[in-house]
Protein backbone atom coordinates (compact mmCIF):
# COMPACT_ATOMS: atom_id res chain seq x y z
CA MET A 1 -120.17 -12.55 -68.97
CA ALA A 2 -119.79 -9.70 -66.45
CA SER A 3 -116.38 -9.44 -64.88
CA GLU A 4 -114.67 -7.72 -61.96
CA LYS A 5 -111.19 -6.34 -61.79
CA VAL A 6 -108.91 -8.01 -59.30
CA SER A 7 -105.49 -6.73 -58.19
CA PHE A 8 -102.84 -8.72 -56.38
CA ASN A 9 -99.10 -8.79 -56.02
CA LEU A 10 -96.76 -11.37 -57.49
CA SER A 11 -93.07 -11.83 -56.90
CA ILE A 12 -90.83 -10.41 -59.64
CA SER A 13 -89.70 -13.98 -60.27
CA ASP A 14 -93.26 -15.29 -60.87
CA LEU A 15 -94.14 -12.35 -63.01
CA GLY A 16 -91.01 -12.90 -65.04
CA LYS A 17 -91.94 -16.55 -65.63
CA ILE A 18 -95.42 -15.53 -66.76
CA GLN A 19 -93.95 -12.93 -69.08
CA LEU A 20 -91.60 -15.55 -70.54
CA LEU A 21 -94.56 -17.78 -71.34
CA VAL A 22 -96.36 -14.83 -73.00
CA ASP A 23 -93.21 -13.89 -75.00
CA LYS A 24 -92.88 -17.48 -76.20
CA GLY A 25 -96.51 -17.47 -77.34
CA VAL A 26 -97.74 -20.03 -74.84
CA TYR A 27 -100.34 -17.46 -73.65
CA SER A 28 -101.55 -14.42 -75.48
CA SER A 29 -101.13 -12.08 -72.47
CA ARG A 30 -100.58 -12.04 -68.72
CA THR A 31 -104.36 -11.77 -68.29
CA ASP A 32 -104.84 -14.87 -70.44
CA PHE A 33 -102.37 -16.80 -68.25
CA LEU A 34 -103.94 -15.63 -64.94
CA THR A 35 -107.51 -16.28 -66.17
CA LYS A 36 -106.66 -19.80 -67.19
CA ALA A 37 -104.81 -20.41 -63.95
CA VAL A 38 -107.91 -19.32 -61.95
CA VAL A 39 -110.20 -21.54 -64.03
CA HIS A 40 -107.78 -24.47 -63.56
CA GLU A 41 -107.78 -24.03 -59.75
CA MET A 42 -111.57 -23.79 -59.68
CA LEU A 43 -111.90 -26.98 -61.65
CA ARG A 44 -109.30 -28.63 -59.36
CA ASN A 45 -111.45 -27.63 -56.35
CA GLU A 46 -114.81 -28.40 -57.92
CA ASP A 47 -115.57 -30.97 -55.21
CA THR A 48 -115.28 -28.38 -52.43
CA ILE A 49 -117.41 -25.91 -54.37
CA GLU A 50 -120.13 -28.50 -55.10
CA LYS A 51 -120.13 -29.76 -51.52
CA GLU A 52 -120.70 -26.20 -50.24
CA LYS A 53 -123.39 -25.50 -52.83
CA SER A 54 -125.28 -28.68 -51.83
CA LYS A 55 -125.65 -27.49 -48.25
CA PHE A 56 -128.07 -24.74 -49.28
CA ASP A 57 -130.17 -23.72 -52.21
CA TRP A 58 -127.48 -21.66 -53.90
CA THR A 59 -128.04 -19.31 -56.85
CA VAL A 60 -125.07 -19.38 -59.16
CA GLY A 61 -125.01 -16.24 -61.29
CA ILE A 62 -127.23 -13.26 -60.67
CA SER A 63 -130.03 -13.17 -58.11
CA GLY A 64 -132.25 -10.09 -57.87
CA TYR A 65 -135.07 -8.92 -55.64
CA SER A 66 -137.42 -6.02 -56.30
CA LEU A 67 -139.46 -3.93 -53.85
CA LYS A 68 -142.51 -5.82 -55.02
CA ASP A 69 -140.84 -9.19 -54.12
CA PHE A 70 -139.98 -7.98 -50.62
CA MET A 71 -143.48 -6.59 -50.02
CA LYS A 72 -144.91 -10.01 -51.10
CA TYR A 73 -142.66 -11.82 -48.62
CA ARG A 74 -143.57 -9.40 -45.85
CA ASP A 75 -147.30 -9.59 -46.51
CA ALA A 76 -147.10 -13.37 -46.46
CA GLY A 77 -145.13 -13.27 -43.19
CA GLU A 78 -142.18 -15.01 -44.86
CA LYS A 79 -138.50 -14.58 -44.17
CA ILE A 80 -135.97 -15.49 -46.82
CA SER A 81 -132.50 -17.00 -46.76
CA VAL A 82 -130.35 -16.00 -49.70
CA PHE A 83 -127.26 -17.90 -50.85
CA VAL A 84 -125.54 -16.56 -53.96
CA ILE A 85 -122.28 -17.31 -55.80
CA GLY A 86 -122.10 -14.38 -58.18
CA VAL A 87 -124.11 -11.18 -57.76
CA LEU A 88 -127.00 -10.40 -55.43
CA ILE A 89 -129.03 -7.37 -56.49
CA ILE A 90 -131.49 -5.85 -54.01
CA ASP A 91 -133.54 -2.95 -55.36
CA SER A 92 -132.24 0.32 -53.98
CA LYS A 93 -135.85 1.35 -53.20
CA ILE A 94 -136.09 -1.31 -50.51
CA PRO A 95 -135.89 0.47 -47.17
CA LEU A 96 -133.75 -0.91 -44.36
CA ASN A 97 -136.78 -1.74 -42.14
CA LEU A 98 -138.34 -3.86 -44.88
CA ALA A 99 -135.04 -5.65 -45.50
CA LYS A 100 -134.82 -6.42 -41.74
CA GLU A 101 -138.37 -7.78 -41.79
CA VAL A 102 -137.83 -10.08 -44.75
CA ILE A 103 -134.18 -11.21 -44.75
CA ASP A 104 -133.30 -14.01 -42.37
CA LYS A 105 -129.83 -15.04 -43.62
CA VAL A 106 -127.56 -14.03 -46.46
CA VAL A 107 -124.35 -15.55 -47.76
CA VAL A 108 -122.85 -14.02 -50.88
CA HIS A 109 -119.62 -15.18 -52.48
CA GLY A 110 -119.26 -12.39 -54.95
CA LYS A 111 -120.81 -8.90 -55.15
CA VAL A 112 -123.81 -7.24 -53.52
CA VAL A 113 -125.60 -4.41 -55.27
CA ALA A 114 -127.98 -2.57 -52.90
CA SER A 115 -128.36 0.68 -51.03
CA ASP A 116 -125.53 1.40 -48.60
CA GLU A 117 -127.75 0.90 -45.54
CA VAL A 118 -128.98 -2.47 -46.79
CA LYS A 119 -125.45 -3.52 -47.71
CA ASN A 120 -124.27 -2.66 -44.19
CA TYR A 121 -127.15 -4.61 -42.66
CA LEU A 122 -126.26 -7.65 -44.80
CA LYS A 123 -122.70 -7.44 -43.56
CA GLU A 124 -124.01 -7.45 -40.00
CA ILE A 125 -126.08 -10.61 -40.47
CA SER A 126 -123.63 -12.51 -42.63
């Protein structure tokens, strides 16, 4: 599974408590503790996540679009709405004017991989 690095600050006290749990063998590392804590919180909030996902046709994982896909949508006169939890990949060959013609709405909870100009456009319409 692809992963992203996340940085955040913890109080010395909280970090000390995590380290104590690691030292006592409860967790194999600080990363192990933090990963399990994040998974636990996502499971605890599953209802909220599912409720939001049910509002739209969400893709969970990786969603990608090629230049050929966008040309097909344009030629058919279709606009698309994209909802992704994970990674949205838009071919870097897709020019900004074509993206503007085809994309109606975009919501991404995660990462966008696209040309800088298309990424900036997506930020504008999000």
